[in-house]
Amino acid sequence: MSEVQVPELRIDIDRETALGKYANFAIFSHQKNEFYLDFALMQPGTQGQMVALVTSRIITSPQHAKALLRSLAENIQRYEETYGAIPEPFDGSKA
């Protein structure tokens, strides 16, 4: 029996995308066939308001969203094994 050859994956990235965008806030929503992942920069506004400017939106399938969740959990686990526990963010609204 012959082995199935899996092609090598090459990932290209243009310069602008490689620079990335900073986000300190995320909003996730979904409908039946898609998940929406909005990443935003939250900053102080005027008159005590907070303003969140969405800098990136990813639209993906439920299957890819679940794979992303699994991959992120695995990467966080490896990060914490190397660098120590990541502290949970403080949520002042629950105090």
N, C-alpha and C. Protein backbone atom coordinates (compact mmCIF):
# COMPACT_ATOMS: atom_id res chain seq x y z
N MET A 1 0.84 -1.19 0.00
CA MET A 1 0.00 0.00 0.00
C MET A 1 0.88 1.24 0.00
N SER A 2 0.56 2.23 -0.81
CA SER A 2 1.36 3.44 -0.86
C SER A 2 0.83 4.47 0.13
N GLU A 3 1.75 5.30 0.64
CA GLU A 3 1.37 6.36 1.57
C GLU A 3 0.83 7.56 0.80
N VAL A 4 -0.12 8.24 1.40
CA VAL A 4 -0.68 9.44 0.79
C VAL A 4 0.28 10.60 1.06
N GLN A 5 0.67 11.29 0.02
CA GLN A 5 1.56 12.44 0.16
C GLN A 5 0.73 13.69 0.46
N VAL A 6 1.03 14.32 1.58
CA VAL A 6 0.36 15.56 1.95
C VAL A 6 1.22 16.71 1.43
N PRO A 7 0.66 17.58 0.61
CA PRO A 7 1.46 18.68 0.08
C PRO A 7 1.91 19.64 1.20
N GLU A 8 3.10 20.20 1.03
CA GLU A 8 3.61 21.18 1.98
C GLU A 8 2.80 22.46 1.83
N LEU A 9 2.48 23.09 2.97
CA LEU A 9 1.71 24.33 2.96
C LEU A 9 2.66 25.51 3.00
N ARG A 10 2.56 26.39 2.06
CA ARG A 10 3.34 27.62 2.04
C ARG A 10 2.39 28.77 2.33
N ILE A 11 2.75 29.58 3.31
CA ILE A 11 1.91 30.72 3.69
C ILE A 11 2.66 31.99 3.33
N ASP A 12 2.04 32.82 2.50
CA ASP A 12 2.60 34.11 2.13
C ASP A 12 1.84 35.20 2.87
N ILE A 13 2.52 36.30 3.16
CA ILE A 13 1.89 37.42 3.83
C ILE A 13 2.48 38.71 3.27
N ASP A 14 1.59 39.65 2.94
CA ASP A 14 2.09 40.93 2.42
C ASP A 14 2.57 41.80 3.59
N ARG A 15 3.33 42.82 3.27
CA ARG A 15 3.97 43.65 4.29
C ARG A 15 2.96 44.31 5.23
N GLU A 16 1.90 44.87 4.68
CA GLU A 16 0.90 45.56 5.51
C GLU A 16 0.25 44.60 6.50
N THR A 17 -0.13 43.41 6.04
CA THR A 17 -0.75 42.43 6.92
C THR A 17 0.25 41.95 7.97
N ALA A 18 1.51 41.79 7.57
CA ALA A 18 2.55 41.31 8.50
C ALA A 18 2.75 42.27 9.67
N LEU A 19 2.48 43.55 9.45
CA LEU A 19 2.63 44.53 10.53
C LEU A 19 1.59 44.31 11.63
N GLY A 20 0.46 43.72 11.28
CA GLY A 20 -0.58 43.44 12.26
C GLY A 20 -1.32 44.69 12.72
N LYS A 21 -2.33 44.48 13.52
CA LYS A 21 -3.10 45.56 14.10
C LYS A 21 -3.31 45.23 15.57
N TYR A 22 -3.12 46.20 16.42
CA TYR A 22 -3.29 46.00 17.86
C TYR A 22 -4.77 45.98 18.20
N ALA A 23 -5.15 45.07 19.08
CA ALA A 23 -6.52 45.00 19.57
C ALA A 23 -6.48 44.68 21.06
N ASN A 24 -7.29 45.38 21.84
CA ASN A 24 -7.39 45.09 23.27
C ASN A 24 -8.83 44.79 23.67
N PHE A 25 -9.65 44.50 22.66
CA PHE A 25 -11.07 44.21 22.89
C PHE A 25 -11.56 43.35 21.73
N ALA A 26 -12.41 42.40 22.02
CA ALA A 26 -12.95 41.54 20.96
C ALA A 26 -14.44 41.31 21.20
N ILE A 27 -15.17 41.23 20.11
CA ILE A 27 -16.61 40.97 20.15
C ILE A 27 -16.86 39.81 19.18
N PHE A 28 -17.50 38.77 19.67
CA PHE A 28 -17.80 37.61 18.82
C PHE A 28 -19.30 37.45 18.71
N SER A 29 -19.77 37.14 17.51
CA SER A 29 -21.18 36.87 17.28
C SER A 29 -21.28 35.78 16.21
N HIS A 30 -22.47 35.28 16.02
CA HIS A 30 -22.63 34.21 15.04
C HIS A 30 -24.06 34.15 14.53
N GLN A 31 -24.19 33.49 13.42
CA GLN A 31 -25.48 33.05 12.91
C GLN A 31 -25.28 31.60 12.48
N LYS A 32 -26.25 30.99 11.87
CA LYS A 32 -26.20 29.56 11.60
C LYS A 32 -24.93 29.10 10.88
N ASN A 33 -24.50 29.80 9.86
CA ASN A 33 -23.39 29.32 9.03
C ASN A 33 -22.08 30.09 9.18
N GLU A 34 -22.05 31.12 10.05
CA GLU A 34 -20.85 31.94 10.15
C GLU A 34 -20.63 32.44 11.58
N PHE A 35 -19.36 32.59 11.91
CA PHE A 35 -18.94 33.26 13.13
C PHE A 35 -18.27 34.56 12.73
N TYR A 36 -18.54 35.63 13.46
CA TYR A 36 -17.94 36.94 13.23
C TYR A 36 -17.03 37.23 14.42
N LEU A 37 -15.77 37.48 14.13
CA LEU A 37 -14.80 37.82 15.17
C LEU A 37 -14.32 39.24 14.89
N ASP A 38 -14.78 40.19 15.69
CA ASP A 38 -14.39 41.59 15.54
C ASP A 38 -13.35 41.92 16.60
N PHE A 39 -12.20 42.43 16.16
CA PHE A 39 -11.13 42.85 17.05
C PHE A 39 -11.07 44.36 17.02
N ALA A 40 -10.99 44.96 18.21
CA ALA A 40 -11.11 46.41 18.31
C ALA A 40 -10.06 47.00 19.23
N LEU A 41 -9.85 48.28 19.06
CA LEU A 41 -9.00 49.07 19.94
C LEU A 41 -9.93 49.89 20.82
N MET A 42 -9.94 49.59 22.12
CA MET A 42 -10.78 50.34 23.05
C MET A 42 -9.94 51.45 23.65
N GLN A 43 -10.50 52.65 23.61
CA GLN A 43 -9.78 53.80 24.15
C GLN A 43 -10.78 54.76 24.79
N PRO A 44 -10.28 55.60 25.68
CA PRO A 44 -11.19 56.55 26.32
C PRO A 44 -11.76 57.52 25.30
N GLY A 45 -13.02 57.82 25.46
CA GLY A 45 -13.67 58.81 24.61
C GLY A 45 -13.89 60.09 25.39
N THR A 46 -14.89 60.82 24.99
CA THR A 46 -15.21 62.06 25.70
C THR A 46 -16.35 61.81 26.67
N GLN A 47 -16.46 62.64 27.67
CA GLN A 47 -17.54 62.59 28.66
C GLN A 47 -17.65 61.22 29.33
N GLY A 48 -16.48 60.61 29.63
CA GLY A 48 -16.47 59.36 30.37
C GLY A 48 -16.87 58.13 29.59
N GLN A 49 -17.09 58.26 28.29
CA GLN A 49 -17.45 57.10 27.47
C GLN A 49 -16.20 56.37 27.02
N MET A 50 -16.35 55.06 26.78
CA MET A 50 -15.29 54.29 26.17
C MET A 50 -15.68 54.11 24.70
N VAL A 51 -14.70 54.14 23.82
CA VAL A 51 -14.94 54.00 22.39
C VAL A 51 -14.15 52.81 21.90
N ALA A 52 -14.79 51.89 21.19
CA ALA A 52 -14.11 50.72 20.62
C ALA A 52 -14.18 50.84 19.10
N LEU A 53 -13.01 50.94 18.47
CA LEU A 53 -12.92 51.03 17.02
C LEU A 53 -12.51 49.67 16.48
N VAL A 54 -13.37 49.03 15.71
CA VAL A 54 -13.04 47.73 15.13
C VAL A 54 -11.95 47.92 14.09
N THR A 55 -10.84 47.19 14.28
CA THR A 55 -9.70 47.28 13.37
C THR A 55 -9.61 46.09 12.43
N SER A 56 -10.22 44.97 12.81
CA SER A 56 -10.19 43.77 11.97
C SER A 56 -11.45 42.94 12.21
N ARG A 57 -11.96 42.36 11.14
CA ARG A 57 -13.10 41.45 11.24
C ARG A 57 -12.75 40.18 10.48
N ILE A 58 -12.97 39.05 11.15
CA ILE A 58 -12.79 37.74 10.53
C ILE A 58 -14.17 37.08 10.49
N ILE A 59 -14.56 36.59 9.33
CA ILE A 59 -15.80 35.84 9.18
C ILE A 59 -15.39 34.43 8.81
N THR A 60 -15.86 33.44 9.57
CA THR A 60 -15.43 32.07 9.34
C THR A 60 -16.56 31.09 9.61
N SER A 61 -16.35 29.85 9.22
CA SER A 61 -17.37 28.81 9.40
C SER A 61 -17.36 28.33 10.85
N PRO A 62 -18.45 27.71 11.29
CA PRO A 62 -18.47 27.14 12.65
C PRO A 62 -17.34 26.12 12.85
N GLN A 63 -17.02 25.33 11.83
CA GLN A 63 -15.96 24.33 11.95
C GLN A 63 -14.61 25.00 12.17
N HIS A 64 -14.32 26.06 11.42
CA HIS A 64 -13.06 26.76 11.60
C HIS A 64 -13.02 27.50 12.94
N ALA A 65 -14.14 28.03 13.39
CA ALA A 65 -14.19 28.70 14.68
C ALA A 65 -13.85 27.71 15.79
N LYS A 66 -14.38 26.50 15.70
CA LYS A 66 -14.10 25.49 16.72
C LYS A 66 -12.63 25.06 16.67
N ALA A 67 -12.07 24.93 15.47
CA ALA A 67 -10.66 24.59 15.32
C ALA A 67 -9.78 25.71 15.88
N LEU A 68 -10.19 26.97 15.67
CA LEU A 68 -9.46 28.12 16.21
C LEU A 68 -9.47 28.08 17.73
N LEU A 69 -10.62 27.79 18.32
CA LEU A 69 -10.74 27.69 19.78
C LEU A 69 -9.77 26.63 20.32
N ARG A 70 -9.74 25.48 19.70
CA ARG A 70 -8.87 24.39 20.13
C ARG A 70 -7.40 24.79 19.99
N SER A 71 -7.04 25.37 18.86
CA SER A 71 -5.66 25.77 18.62
C SER A 71 -5.22 26.87 19.59
N LEU A 72 -6.08 27.83 19.86
CA LEU A 72 -5.75 28.90 20.79
C LEU A 72 -5.54 28.33 22.20
N ALA A 73 -6.40 27.40 22.62
CA ALA A 73 -6.26 26.77 23.94
C ALA A 73 -4.93 26.03 24.05
N GLU A 74 -4.55 25.31 22.99
CA GLU A 74 -3.28 24.57 22.99
C GLU A 74 -2.10 25.53 23.06
N ASN A 75 -2.18 26.65 22.33
CA ASN A 75 -1.09 27.62 22.34
C ASN A 75 -0.98 28.33 23.68
N ILE A 76 -2.09 28.63 24.32
CA ILE A 76 -2.06 29.24 25.65
C ILE A 76 -1.44 28.27 26.65
N GLN A 77 -1.79 27.00 26.56
CA GLN A 77 -1.21 26.00 27.45
C GLN A 77 0.31 25.93 27.28
N ARG A 78 0.79 25.89 26.04
CA ARG A 78 2.24 25.86 25.79
C ARG A 78 2.91 27.15 26.27
N TYR A 79 2.27 28.28 26.06
CA TYR A 79 2.80 29.56 26.53
C TYR A 79 2.98 29.53 28.05
N GLU A 80 1.93 29.09 28.76
CA GLU A 80 1.99 29.08 30.23
C GLU A 80 3.00 28.07 30.75
N GLU A 81 3.19 26.97 30.05
CA GLU A 81 4.23 26.01 30.43
C GLU A 81 5.61 26.63 30.32
N THR A 82 5.79 27.52 29.37
CA THR A 82 7.09 28.16 29.15
C THR A 82 7.29 29.39 30.02
N TYR A 83 6.28 30.25 30.11
CA TYR A 83 6.44 31.56 30.73
C TYR A 83 5.68 31.74 32.04
N GLY A 84 4.86 30.79 32.43
CA GLY A 84 4.07 30.92 33.65
C GLY A 84 2.64 31.32 33.34
N ALA A 85 1.81 31.24 34.36
CA ALA A 85 0.38 31.49 34.20
C ALA A 85 0.10 32.91 33.76
N ILE A 86 -0.85 33.04 32.86
CA ILE A 86 -1.34 34.35 32.43
C ILE A 86 -2.43 34.75 33.42
N PRO A 87 -2.29 35.91 34.08
CA PRO A 87 -3.33 36.30 35.03
C PRO A 87 -4.64 36.61 34.32
N GLU A 88 -5.73 36.29 34.97
CA GLU A 88 -7.05 36.60 34.43
C GLU A 88 -7.25 38.11 34.49
N PRO A 89 -7.91 38.70 33.49
CA PRO A 89 -8.17 40.14 33.55
C PRO A 89 -9.17 40.44 34.69
N PHE A 90 -8.99 41.57 35.31
CA PHE A 90 -9.90 42.00 36.37
C PHE A 90 -11.13 42.61 35.74
N ASP A 91 -12.29 42.13 36.15
CA ASP A 91 -13.54 42.69 35.66
C ASP A 91 -14.18 43.49 36.79
N GLY A 92 -13.98 44.80 36.75
CA GLY A 92 -14.47 45.68 37.80
C GLY A 92 -15.98 45.72 37.90
N SER A 93 -16.69 45.31 36.84
CA SER A 93 -18.16 45.36 36.87
C SER A 93 -18.73 44.27 37.76
N LYS A 94 -17.92 43.25 38.09
CA LYS A 94 -18.41 42.14 38.93
C LYS A 94 -17.98 42.31 40.37
N ALA A 95 -17.32 43.41 40.70
CA ALA A 95 -16.82 43.62 42.07
C ALA A 95 -17.92 44.16 42.96
